[in-house]
Amino acid sequence: MSGPATPDEALDWIRDALSTSRYIPHPHFWKRCAQRRVGMNDVRRLVRDCRVDDVEPYVGGAAKMGGSQWRLQGVDLDGVELGVGVEAFLDHLGRRVLLLTVFG
C-alpha cells in the first residue's frame, strides 16, 4: 500500500494534495455532494480546520488506487457537521487524494 499509515500523516498528506490541486473527485463523490448540497469550498474548509483527532481509517471498500483510506470529520462553511471519505495514494505525480464521498 502506498499511502499514509497514521492519522497525522494522512491529514498532512490530504491537506497538501488539496492545497496543490492534486486530487481526483470520484463520480460517487460528486453524486453525494449534490445530494447533500456540499461544494468543494465546504470540503476545503473541513480539511483545513480538521484536527488529527477527527481523522480515522475509513473502512468502506477496497482501495481503488492502492493507497490508504481515511475519514475526516468537521464542519462545512455553514458550521454544519460534515464528513469526507478519501483515499490517499502515491503515484508518478506524487502524493495525491481520491475524494470518495461526503457524509452528513
PDB file of N, CA and C in Angstrom:
ATOM      1  N   MET A   1       0.852  -1.186   0.000  1.00  0.00           N
ATOM      2  CA  MET A   1       0.000   0.000   0.000  1.00  0.00           C
ATOM      3  C   MET A   1       0.891   1.240   0.000  1.00  0.00           C
ATOM      4  N   SER A   2       0.541   2.184  -0.832  1.00  0.00           N
ATOM      5  CA  SER A   2       1.348   3.401  -0.911  1.00  0.00           C
ATOM      6  C   SER A   2       0.525   4.606  -0.451  1.00  0.00           C
ATOM      7  N   GLY A   3       0.295   4.667   0.841  1.00  0.00           N
ATOM      8  CA  GLY A   3      -0.452   5.768   1.425  1.00  0.00           C
ATOM      9  C   GLY A   3      -0.006   5.989   2.850  1.00  0.00           C
ATOM     10  N   PRO A   4      -0.500   7.026   3.487  1.00  0.00           N
ATOM     11  CA  PRO A   4      -0.116   7.299   4.876  1.00  0.00           C
ATOM     12  C   PRO A   4      -0.613   6.202   5.813  1.00  0.00           C
ATOM     13  N   ALA A   5       0.131   6.005   6.887  1.00  0.00           N
ATOM     14  CA  ALA A   5      -0.178   4.925   7.825  1.00  0.00           C
ATOM     15  C   ALA A   5      -0.807   5.406   9.126  1.00  0.00           C
ATOM     16  N   THR A   6      -0.720   6.697   9.428  1.00  0.00           N
ATOM     17  CA  THR A   6      -1.253   7.231  10.683  1.00  0.00           C
ATOM     18  C   THR A   6      -2.163   8.421  10.389  1.00  0.00           C
ATOM     19  N   PRO A   7      -3.048   8.752  11.332  1.00  0.00           N
ATOM     20  CA  PRO A   7      -3.889   9.941  11.137  1.00  0.00           C
ATOM     21  C   PRO A   7      -3.086  11.220  10.921  1.00  0.00           C
ATOM     22  N   ASP A   8      -1.961  11.394  11.638  1.00  0.00           N
ATOM     23  CA  ASP A   8      -1.107  12.582  11.451  1.00  0.00           C
ATOM     24  C   ASP A   8      -0.597  12.671  10.017  1.00  0.00           C
ATOM     25  N   GLU A   9      -0.055  11.552   9.538  1.00  0.00           N
ATOM     26  CA  GLU A   9       0.460  11.517   8.169  1.00  0.00           C
ATOM     27  C   GLU A   9      -0.664  11.755   7.166  1.00  0.00           C
ATOM     28  N   ALA A  10      -1.809  11.139   7.413  1.00  0.00           N
ATOM     29  CA  ALA A  10      -2.941  11.260   6.495  1.00  0.00           C
ATOM     30  C   ALA A  10      -3.405  12.706   6.389  1.00  0.00           C
ATOM     31  N   LEU A  11      -3.543  13.382   7.513  1.00  0.00           N
ATOM     32  CA  LEU A  11      -4.027  14.765   7.491  1.00  0.00           C
ATOM     33  C   LEU A  11      -3.055  15.665   6.732  1.00  0.00           C
ATOM     34  N   ASP A  12      -1.758  15.519   6.977  1.00  0.00           N
ATOM     35  CA  ASP A  12      -0.763  16.306   6.244  1.00  0.00           C
ATOM     36  C   ASP A  12      -0.835  16.012   4.743  1.00  0.00           C
ATOM     37  N   TRP A  13      -0.941  14.739   4.402  1.00  0.00           N
ATOM     38  CA  TRP A  13      -0.989  14.292   3.004  1.00  0.00           C
ATOM     39  C   TRP A  13      -2.210  14.884   2.301  1.00  0.00           C
ATOM     40  N   ILE A  14      -3.361  14.773   2.945  1.00  0.00           N
ATOM     41  CA  ILE A  14      -4.625  15.247   2.360  1.00  0.00           C
ATOM     42  C   ILE A  14      -4.617  16.763   2.212  1.00  0.00           C
ATOM     43  N   ARG A  15      -4.153  17.462   3.228  1.00  0.00           N
ATOM     44  CA  ARG A  15      -4.066  18.927   3.144  1.00  0.00           C
ATOM     45  C   ARG A  15      -3.163  19.353   1.998  1.00  0.00           C
ATOM     46  N   ASP A  16      -2.015  18.705   1.887  1.00  0.00           N
ATOM     47  CA  ASP A  16      -1.070  19.039   0.824  1.00  0.00           C
ATOM     48  C   ASP A  16      -1.694  18.781  -0.552  1.00  0.00           C
ATOM     49  N   ALA A  17      -2.334  17.644  -0.714  1.00  0.00           N
ATOM     50  CA  ALA A  17      -2.930  17.298  -2.014  1.00  0.00           C
ATOM     51  C   ALA A  17      -4.040  18.268  -2.398  1.00  0.00           C
ATOM     52  N   LEU A  18      -4.891  18.636  -1.444  1.00  0.00           N
ATOM     53  CA  LEU A  18      -5.975  19.563  -1.771  1.00  0.00           C
ATOM     54  C   LEU A  18      -5.439  20.965  -2.056  1.00  0.00           C
ATOM     55  N   SER A  19      -4.469  21.414  -1.290  1.00  0.00           N
ATOM     56  CA  SER A  19      -3.963  22.779  -1.473  1.00  0.00           C
ATOM     57  C   SER A  19      -3.181  22.938  -2.767  1.00  0.00           C
ATOM     58  N   THR A  20      -2.687  21.844  -3.334  1.00  0.00           N
ATOM     59  CA  THR A  20      -1.917  21.910  -4.580  1.00  0.00           C
ATOM     60  C   THR A  20      -2.690  21.310  -5.760  1.00  0.00           C
ATOM     61  N   SER A  21      -3.990  21.105  -5.566  1.00  0.00           N
ATOM     62  CA  SER A  21      -4.881  20.581  -6.622  1.00  0.00           C
ATOM     63  C   SER A  21      -4.435  19.220  -7.159  1.00  0.00           C
ATOM     64  N   ARG A  22      -3.890  18.393  -6.272  1.00  0.00           N
ATOM     65  CA  ARG A  22      -3.517  17.032  -6.654  1.00  0.00           C
ATOM     66  C   ARG A  22      -4.550  16.053  -6.099  1.00  0.00           C
ATOM     67  N   TYR A  23      -5.797  16.268  -6.506  1.00  0.00           N
ATOM     68  CA  TYR A  23      -6.878  15.397  -6.062  1.00  0.00           C
ATOM     69  C   TYR A  23      -7.757  15.030  -7.255  1.00  0.00           C
ATOM     70  N   ILE A  24      -8.432  13.892  -7.117  1.00  0.00           N
ATOM     71  CA  ILE A  24      -9.349  13.407  -8.146  1.00  0.00           C
ATOM     72  C   ILE A  24     -10.697  13.165  -7.476  1.00  0.00           C
ATOM     73  N   PRO A  25     -11.741  13.855  -7.887  1.00  0.00           N
ATOM     74  CA  PRO A  25     -13.071  13.564  -7.342  1.00  0.00           C
ATOM     75  C   PRO A  25     -13.661  12.336  -8.051  1.00  0.00           C
ATOM     76  N   HIS A  26     -14.026  11.332  -7.296  1.00  0.00           N
ATOM     77  CA  HIS A  26     -14.690  10.144  -7.828  1.00  0.00           C
ATOM     78  C   HIS A  26     -16.123  10.530  -8.214  1.00  0.00           C
ATOM     79  N   PRO A  27     -16.712   9.925  -9.240  1.00  0.00           N
ATOM     80  CA  PRO A  27     -18.102  10.250  -9.597  1.00  0.00           C
ATOM     81  C   PRO A  27     -19.079  10.120  -8.418  1.00  0.00           C
ATOM     82  N   HIS A  28     -18.857   9.145  -7.546  1.00  0.00           N
ATOM     83  CA  HIS A  28     -19.717   8.986  -6.364  1.00  0.00           C
ATOM     84  C   HIS A  28     -19.614  10.208  -5.451  1.00  0.00           C
ATOM     85  N   PHE A  29     -18.419  10.777  -5.362  1.00  0.00           N
ATOM     86  CA  PHE A  29     -18.213  11.976  -4.550  1.00  0.00           C
ATOM     87  C   PHE A  29     -19.118  13.101  -5.045  1.00  0.00           C
ATOM     88  N   TRP A  30     -19.135  13.341  -6.379  1.00  0.00           N
ATOM     89  CA  TRP A  30     -19.985  14.415  -6.917  1.00  0.00           C
ATOM     90  C   TRP A  30     -21.457  14.130  -6.676  1.00  0.00           C
ATOM     91  N   LYS A  31     -21.853  12.868  -6.797  1.00  0.00           N
ATOM     92  CA  LYS A  31     -23.252  12.495  -6.552  1.00  0.00           C
ATOM     93  C   LYS A  31     -23.647  12.825  -5.117  1.00  0.00           C
ATOM     94  N   ARG A  32     -22.809  12.448  -4.168  1.00  0.00           N
ATOM     95  CA  ARG A  32     -23.107  12.706  -2.757  1.00  0.00           C
ATOM     96  C   ARG A  32     -23.057  14.204  -2.432  1.00  0.00           C
ATOM     97  N   CYS A  33     -22.151  14.934  -3.068  1.00  0.00           N
ATOM     98  CA  CYS A  33     -22.097  16.390  -2.873  1.00  0.00           C
ATOM     99  C   CYS A  33     -23.411  17.024  -3.325  1.00  0.00           C
ATOM    100  N   ALA A  34     -23.915  16.605  -4.472  1.00  0.00           N
ATOM    101  CA  ALA A  34     -25.178  17.151  -4.989  1.00  0.00           C
ATOM    102  C   ALA A  34     -26.331  16.806  -4.057  1.00  0.00           C
ATOM    103  N   GLN A  35     -26.373  15.571  -3.567  1.00  0.00           N
ATOM    104  CA  GLN A  35     -27.445  15.152  -2.666  1.00  0.00           C
ATOM    105  C   GLN A  35     -27.436  15.948  -1.368  1.00  0.00           C
ATOM    106  N   ARG A  36     -26.253  16.261  -0.883  1.00  0.00           N
ATOM    107  CA  ARG A  36     -26.116  16.939   0.414  1.00  0.00           C
ATOM    108  C   ARG A  36     -25.895  18.445   0.280  1.00  0.00           C
ATOM    109  N   ARG A  37     -25.886  18.931  -0.935  1.00  0.00           N
ATOM    110  CA  ARG A  37     -25.648  20.353  -1.200  1.00  0.00           C
ATOM    111  C   ARG A  37     -24.327  20.827  -0.578  1.00  0.00           C
ATOM    112  N   VAL A  38     -23.284  20.067  -0.898  1.00  0.00           N
ATOM    113  CA  VAL A  38     -21.936  20.339  -0.403  1.00  0.00           C
ATOM    114  C   VAL A  38     -21.065  20.697  -1.605  1.00  0.00           C
ATOM    115  N   GLY A  39     -20.257  21.734  -1.479  1.00  0.00           N
ATOM    116  CA  GLY A  39     -19.346  22.130  -2.550  1.00  0.00           C
ATOM    117  C   GLY A  39     -17.892  21.909  -2.155  1.00  0.00           C
ATOM    118  N   MET A  40     -17.010  22.101  -3.121  1.00  0.00           N
ATOM    119  CA  MET A  40     -15.582  21.925  -2.842  1.00  0.00           C
ATOM    120  C   MET A  40     -15.084  22.890  -1.779  1.00  0.00           C
ATOM    121  N   ASN A  41     -15.656  24.081  -1.700  1.00  0.00           N
ATOM    122  CA  ASN A  41     -15.229  25.015  -0.654  1.00  0.00           C
ATOM    123  C   ASN A  41     -15.576  24.478   0.731  1.00  0.00           C
ATOM    124  N   ASP A  42     -16.709  23.765   0.848  1.00  0.00           N
ATOM    125  CA  ASP A  42     -17.052  23.125   2.122  1.00  0.00           C
ATOM    126  C   ASP A  42     -16.018  22.058   2.477  1.00  0.00           C
ATOM    127  N   VAL A  43     -15.639  21.264   1.481  1.00  0.00           N
ATOM    128  CA  VAL A  43     -14.653  20.199   1.700  1.00  0.00           C
ATOM    129  C   VAL A  43     -13.301  20.807   2.068  1.00  0.00           C
ATOM    130  N   ARG A  44     -12.898  21.846   1.364  1.00  0.00           N
ATOM    131  CA  ARG A  44     -11.623  22.502   1.682  1.00  0.00           C
ATOM    132  C   ARG A  44     -11.626  23.057   3.107  1.00  0.00           C
ATOM    133  N   ARG A  45     -12.738  23.643   3.515  1.00  0.00           N
ATOM    134  CA  ARG A  45     -12.850  24.176   4.894  1.00  0.00           C
ATOM    135  C   ARG A  45     -12.685  23.060   5.900  1.00  0.00           C
ATOM    136  N   LEU A  46     -13.393  21.952   5.683  1.00  0.00           N
ATOM    137  CA  LEU A  46     -13.302  20.817   6.608  1.00  0.00           C
ATOM    138  C   LEU A  46     -11.860  20.349   6.728  1.00  0.00           C
ATOM    139  N   VAL A  47     -11.194  20.134   5.599  1.00  0.00           N
ATOM    140  CA  VAL A  47      -9.818  19.632   5.614  1.00  0.00           C
ATOM    141  C   VAL A  47      -8.884  20.640   6.273  1.00  0.00           C
ATOM    142  N   ARG A  48      -9.042  21.907   5.963  1.00  0.00           N
ATOM    143  CA  ARG A  48      -8.181  22.944   6.538  1.00  0.00           C
ATOM    144  C   ARG A  48      -8.288  22.985   8.055  1.00  0.00           C
ATOM    145  N   ASP A  49      -9.525  22.889   8.571  1.00  0.00           N
ATOM    146  CA  ASP A  49      -9.756  23.061  10.008  1.00  0.00           C
ATOM    147  C   ASP A  49      -9.807  21.750  10.794  1.00  0.00           C
ATOM    148  N   CYS A  50      -9.717  20.628  10.113  1.00  0.00           N
ATOM    149  CA  CYS A  50      -9.812  19.324  10.770  1.00  0.00           C
ATOM    150  C   CYS A  50      -8.667  19.128  11.766  1.00  0.00           C
ATOM    151  N   ARG A  51      -8.992  18.511  12.894  1.00  0.00           N
ATOM    152  CA  ARG A  51      -7.983  18.157  13.891  1.00  0.00           C
ATOM    153  C   ARG A  51      -7.600  16.692  13.699  1.00  0.00           C
ATOM    154  N   VAL A  52      -6.405  16.340  14.045  1.00  0.00           N
ATOM    155  CA  VAL A  52      -5.944  14.962  13.855  1.00  0.00           C
ATOM    156  C   VAL A  52      -6.835  13.974  14.623  1.00  0.00           C
ATOM    157  N   ASP A  53      -7.439  14.425  15.730  1.00  0.00           N
ATOM    158  CA  ASP A  53      -8.352  13.560  16.496  1.00  0.00           C
ATOM    159  C   ASP A  53      -9.612  13.214  15.707  1.00  0.00           C
ATOM    160  N   ASP A  54      -9.884  13.982  14.641  1.00  0.00           N
ATOM    161  CA  ASP A  54     -11.075  13.763  13.822  1.00  0.00           C
ATOM    162  C   ASP A  54     -10.762  13.034  12.523  1.00  0.00           C
ATOM    163  N   VAL A  55      -9.604  12.371  12.475  1.00  0.00           N
ATOM    164  CA  VAL A  55      -9.191  11.582  11.314  1.00  0.00           C
ATOM    165  C   VAL A  55      -9.064  10.130  11.755  1.00  0.00           C
ATOM    166  N   GLU A  56      -9.709   9.247  11.007  1.00  0.00           N
ATOM    167  CA  GLU A  56      -9.637   7.823  11.338  1.00  0.00           C
ATOM    168  C   GLU A  56      -9.634   7.001  10.057  1.00  0.00           C
ATOM    169  N   PRO A  57      -9.145   5.777  10.142  1.00  0.00           N
ATOM    170  CA  PRO A  57      -9.204   4.917   8.956  1.00  0.00           C
ATOM    171  C   PRO A  57     -10.654   4.772   8.483  1.00  0.00           C
ATOM    172  N   TYR A  58     -10.837   4.769   7.186  1.00  0.00           N
ATOM    173  CA  TYR A  58     -12.158   4.651   6.581  1.00  0.00           C
ATOM    174  C   TYR A  58     -12.298   3.248   6.028  1.00  0.00           C
ATOM    175  N   VAL A  59     -13.178   2.490   6.639  1.00  0.00           N
ATOM    176  CA  VAL A  59     -13.429   1.123   6.206  1.00  0.00           C
ATOM    177  C   VAL A  59     -14.700   1.149   5.378  1.00  0.00           C
ATOM    178  N   GLY A  60     -14.541   1.135   4.071  1.00  0.00           N
ATOM    179  CA  GLY A  60     -15.716   1.240   3.224  1.00  0.00           C
ATOM    180  C   GLY A  60     -15.509   0.625   1.864  1.00  0.00           C
ATOM    181  N   GLY A  61     -14.660  -0.354   1.760  1.00  0.00           N
ATOM    182  CA  GLY A  61     -14.411  -0.987   0.478  1.00  0.00           C
ATOM    183  C   GLY A  61     -12.935  -1.045   0.165  1.00  0.00           C
ATOM    184  N   ALA A  62     -12.632  -1.658  -0.944  1.00  0.00           N
ATOM    185  CA  ALA A  62     -11.240  -1.822  -1.360  1.00  0.00           C
ATOM    186  C   ALA A  62     -10.681  -0.515  -1.902  1.00  0.00           C
ATOM    187  N   ALA A  63      -9.419  -0.286  -1.631  1.00  0.00           N
ATOM    188  CA  ALA A  63      -8.735   0.890  -2.159  1.00  0.00           C
ATOM    189  C   ALA A  63      -8.705   0.817  -3.681  1.00  0.00           C
ATOM    190  N   LYS A  64      -9.039   1.898  -4.325  1.00  0.00           N
ATOM    191  CA  LYS A  64      -9.105   1.944  -5.782  1.00  0.00           C
ATOM    192  C   LYS A  64      -7.757   2.280  -6.429  1.00  0.00           C
ATOM    193  N   MET A  65      -6.919   2.988  -5.696  1.00  0.00           N
ATOM    194  CA  MET A  65      -5.643   3.460  -6.233  1.00  0.00           C
ATOM    195  C   MET A  65      -4.444   2.848  -5.508  1.00  0.00           C
ATOM    196  N   GLY A  66      -4.677   1.862  -4.645  1.00  0.00           N
ATOM    197  CA  GLY A  66      -3.595   1.214  -3.917  1.00  0.00           C
ATOM    198  C   GLY A  66      -3.093   1.981  -2.714  1.00  0.00           C
ATOM    199  N   GLY A  67      -3.871   2.972  -2.266  1.00  0.00           N
ATOM    200  CA  GLY A  67      -3.464   3.784  -1.118  1.00  0.00           C
ATOM    201  C   GLY A  67      -4.168   3.371   0.157  1.00  0.00           C
ATOM    202  N   SER A  68      -4.254   4.294   1.090  1.00  0.00           N
ATOM    203  CA  SER A  68      -4.957   4.058   2.350  1.00  0.00           C
ATOM    204  C   SER A  68      -6.165   4.987   2.415  1.00  0.00           C
ATOM    205  N   GLN A  69      -7.240   4.502   3.028  1.00  0.00           N
ATOM    206  CA  GLN A  69      -8.492   5.252   3.062  1.00  0.00           C
ATOM    207  C   GLN A  69      -8.710   5.869   4.442  1.00  0.00           C
ATOM    208  N   TRP A  70      -9.240   7.116   4.423  1.00  0.00           N
ATOM    209  CA  TRP A  70      -9.407   7.895   5.650  1.00  0.00           C
ATOM    210  C   TRP A  70     -10.742   8.604   5.666  1.00  0.00           C
ATOM    211  N   ARG A  71     -11.248   8.795   6.870  1.00  0.00           N
ATOM    212  CA  ARG A  71     -12.476   9.559   7.083  1.00  0.00           C
ATOM    213  C   ARG A  71     -12.123  10.758   7.957  1.00  0.00           C
ATOM    214  N   LEU A  72     -12.503  11.937   7.493  1.00  0.00           N
ATOM    215  CA  LEU A  72     -12.275  13.177   8.223  1.00  0.00           C
ATOM    216  C   LEU A  72     -13.619  13.738   8.644  1.00  0.00           C
ATOM    217  N   GLN A  73     -13.701  14.204   9.880  1.00  0.00           N
ATOM    218  CA  GLN A  73     -14.931  14.811  10.405  1.00  0.00           C
ATOM    219  C   GLN A  73     -14.665  16.275  10.706  1.00  0.00           C
ATOM    220  N   GLY A  74     -15.674  17.093  10.486  1.00  0.00           N
ATOM    221  CA  GLY A  74     -15.554  18.512  10.783  1.00  0.00           C
ATOM    222  C   GLY A  74     -16.851  19.212  10.465  1.00  0.00           C
ATOM    223  N   VAL A  75     -16.746  20.460  10.023  1.00  0.00           N
ATOM    224  CA  VAL A  75     -17.931  21.247   9.678  1.00  0.00           C
ATOM    225  C   VAL A  75     -17.722  21.910   8.315  1.00  0.00           C
ATOM    226  N   ASP A  76     -18.853  22.206   7.667  1.00  0.00           N
ATOM    227  CA  ASP A  76     -18.796  22.896   6.384  1.00  0.00           C
ATOM    228  C   ASP A  76     -18.760  24.415   6.611  1.00  0.00           C
ATOM    229  N   LEU A  77     -18.904  25.180   5.548  1.00  0.00           N
ATOM    230  CA  LEU A  77     -18.841  26.643   5.650  1.00  0.00           C
ATOM    231  C   LEU A  77     -19.948  27.230   6.509  1.00  0.00           C
ATOM    232  N   ASP A  78     -21.065  26.499   6.637  1.00  0.00           N
ATOM    233  CA  ASP A  78     -22.188  26.959   7.449  1.00  0.00           C
ATOM    234  C   ASP A  78     -22.118  26.450   8.890  1.00  0.00           C
ATOM    235  N   GLY A  79     -21.059  25.725   9.227  1.00  0.00           N
ATOM    236  CA  GLY A  79     -20.917  25.177  10.570  1.00  0.00           C
ATOM    237  C   GLY A  79     -21.686  23.892  10.791  1.00  0.00           C
ATOM    238  N   VAL A  80     -22.157  23.263   9.704  1.00  0.00           N
ATOM    239  CA  VAL A  80     -22.911  22.015   9.787  1.00  0.00           C
ATOM    240  C   VAL A  80     -21.937  20.840   9.740  1.00  0.00           C
ATOM    241  N   GLU A  81     -22.194  19.827  10.591  1.00  0.00           N
ATOM    242  CA  GLU A  81     -21.341  18.634  10.629  1.00  0.00           C
ATOM    243  C   GLU A  81     -21.207  18.027   9.241  1.00  0.00           C
ATOM    244  N   LEU A  82     -19.968  17.644   8.901  1.00  0.00           N
ATOM    245  CA  LEU A  82     -19.681  17.060   7.602  1.00  0.00           C
ATOM    246  C   LEU A  82     -18.540  16.068   7.748  1.00  0.00           C
ATOM    247  N   GLY A  83     -18.604  15.002   7.005  1.00  0.00           N
ATOM    248  CA  GLY A  83     -17.521  14.032   6.940  1.00  0.00           C
ATOM    249  C   GLY A  83     -17.119  13.835   5.489  1.00  0.00           C
ATOM    250  N   VAL A  84     -15.848  13.519   5.282  1.00  0.00           N
ATOM    251  CA  VAL A  84     -15.336  13.278   3.940  1.00  0.00           C
ATOM    252  C   VAL A  84     -14.543  11.983   3.957  1.00  0.00           C
ATOM    253  N   GLY A  85     -14.818  11.118   2.980  1.00  0.00           N
ATOM    254  CA  GLY A  85     -14.056   9.880   2.813  1.00  0.00           C
ATOM    255  C   GLY A  85     -13.087  10.044   1.659  1.00  0.00           C
ATOM    256  N   VAL A  86     -11.813   9.729   1.886  1.00  0.00           N
ATOM    257  CA  VAL A  86     -10.783   9.896   0.862  1.00  0.00           C
ATOM    258  C   VAL A  86      -9.865   8.682   0.827  1.00  0.00           C
ATOM    259  N   GLU A  87      -9.189   8.539  -0.292  1.00  0.00           N
ATOM    260  CA  GLU A  87      -8.085   7.593  -0.385  1.00  0.00           C
ATOM    261  C   GLU A  87      -6.835   8.397  -0.692  1.00  0.00           C
ATOM    262  N   ALA A  88      -5.824   8.266   0.133  1.00  0.00           N
ATOM    263  CA  ALA A  88      -4.544   8.940  -0.083  1.00  0.00           C
ATOM    264  C   ALA A  88      -3.596   7.927  -0.720  1.00  0.00           C
ATOM    265  N   PHE A  89      -3.012   8.317  -1.855  1.00  0.00           N
ATOM    266  CA  PHE A  89      -2.160   7.378  -2.588  1.00  0.00           C
ATOM    267  C   PHE A  89      -0.971   8.104  -3.206  1.00  0.00           C
ATOM    268  N   LEU A  90       0.003   7.313  -3.606  1.00  0.00           N
ATOM    269  CA  LEU A  90       1.213   7.834  -4.217  1.00  0.00           C
ATOM    270  C   LEU A  90       1.278   7.320  -5.652  1.00  0.00           C
ATOM    271  N   ASP A  91       1.542   8.230  -6.597  1.00  0.00           N
ATOM    272  CA  ASP A  91       1.751   7.811  -7.980  1.00  0.00           C
ATOM    273  C   ASP A  91       2.873   8.650  -8.589  1.00  0.00           C
ATOM    274  N   HIS A  92       3.007   8.614  -9.904  1.00  0.00           N
ATOM    275  CA  HIS A  92       4.105   9.322 -10.567  1.00  0.00           C
ATOM    276  C   HIS A  92       4.039  10.844 -10.394  1.00  0.00           C
ATOM    277  N   LEU A  93       2.882  11.367  -9.992  1.00  0.00           N
ATOM    278  CA  LEU A  93       2.742  12.801  -9.725  1.00  0.00           C
ATOM    279  C   LEU A  93       3.002  13.159  -8.267  1.00  0.00           C
ATOM    280  N   GLY A  94       3.201  12.159  -7.430  1.00  0.00           N
ATOM    281  CA  GLY A  94       3.462  12.404  -6.015  1.00  0.00           C
ATOM    282  C   GLY A  94       2.290  12.018  -5.132  1.00  0.00           C
ATOM    283  N   ARG A  95       2.170  12.701  -4.011  1.00  0.00           N
ATOM    284  CA  ARG A  95       1.110  12.416  -3.043  1.00  0.00           C
ATOM    285  C   ARG A  95      -0.205  12.999  -3.544  1.00  0.00           C
ATOM    286  N   ARG A  96      -1.184  12.123  -3.718  1.00  0.00           N
ATOM    287  CA  ARG A  96      -2.472  12.549  -4.264  1.00  0.00           C
ATOM    288  C   ARG A  96      -3.610  12.012  -3.404  1.00  0.00           C
ATOM    289  N   VAL A  97      -4.826  12.477  -3.726  1.00  0.00           N
ATOM    290  CA  VAL A  97      -6.010  12.066  -2.984  1.00  0.00           C
ATOM    291  C   VAL A  97      -7.145  11.794  -3.972  1.00  0.00           C
ATOM    292  N   LEU A  98      -7.847  10.706  -3.729  1.00  0.00           N
ATOM    293  CA  LEU A  98      -9.088  10.403  -4.429  1.00  0.00           C
ATOM    294  C   LEU A  98     -10.217  10.737  -3.458  1.00  0.00           C
ATOM    295  N   LEU A  99     -11.060  11.702  -3.827  1.00  0.00           N
ATOM    296  CA  LEU A  99     -12.198  12.068  -2.990  1.00  0.00           C
ATOM    297  C   LEU A  99     -13.302  11.055  -3.241  1.00  0.00           C
ATOM    298  N   LEU A 100     -13.690  10.299  -2.211  1.00  0.00           N
ATOM    299  CA  LEU A 100     -14.619   9.189  -2.373  1.00  0.00           C
ATOM    300  C   LEU A 100     -16.075   9.549  -2.100  1.00  0.00           C
ATOM    301  N   THR A 101     -16.332  10.263  -1.010  1.00  0.00           N
ATOM    302  CA  THR A 101     -17.711  10.544  -0.620  1.00  0.00           C
ATOM    303  C   THR A 101     -17.769  11.641   0.436  1.00  0.00           C
ATOM    304  N   VAL A 102     -18.960  12.129   0.688  1.00  0.00           N
ATOM    305  CA  VAL A 102     -19.198  13.025   1.819  1.00  0.00           C
ATOM    306  C   VAL A 102     -20.320  12.419   2.658  1.00  0.00           C
ATOM    307  N   PHE A 103     -20.259  12.662   3.950  1.00  0.00           N
ATOM    308  CA  PHE A 103     -21.229  12.154   4.909  1.00  0.00           C
ATOM    309  C   PHE A 103     -21.918  13.325   5.573  1.00  0.00           C
ATOM    310  N   GLY A 104     -23.199  13.164   5.866  1.00  0.00           N
ATOM    311  CA  GLY A 104     -23.937  14.208   6.563  1.00  0.00           C
ATOM    312  C   GLY A 104     -23.807  14.079   8.051  1.00  0.00           C
TER     313      GLY A 104
END
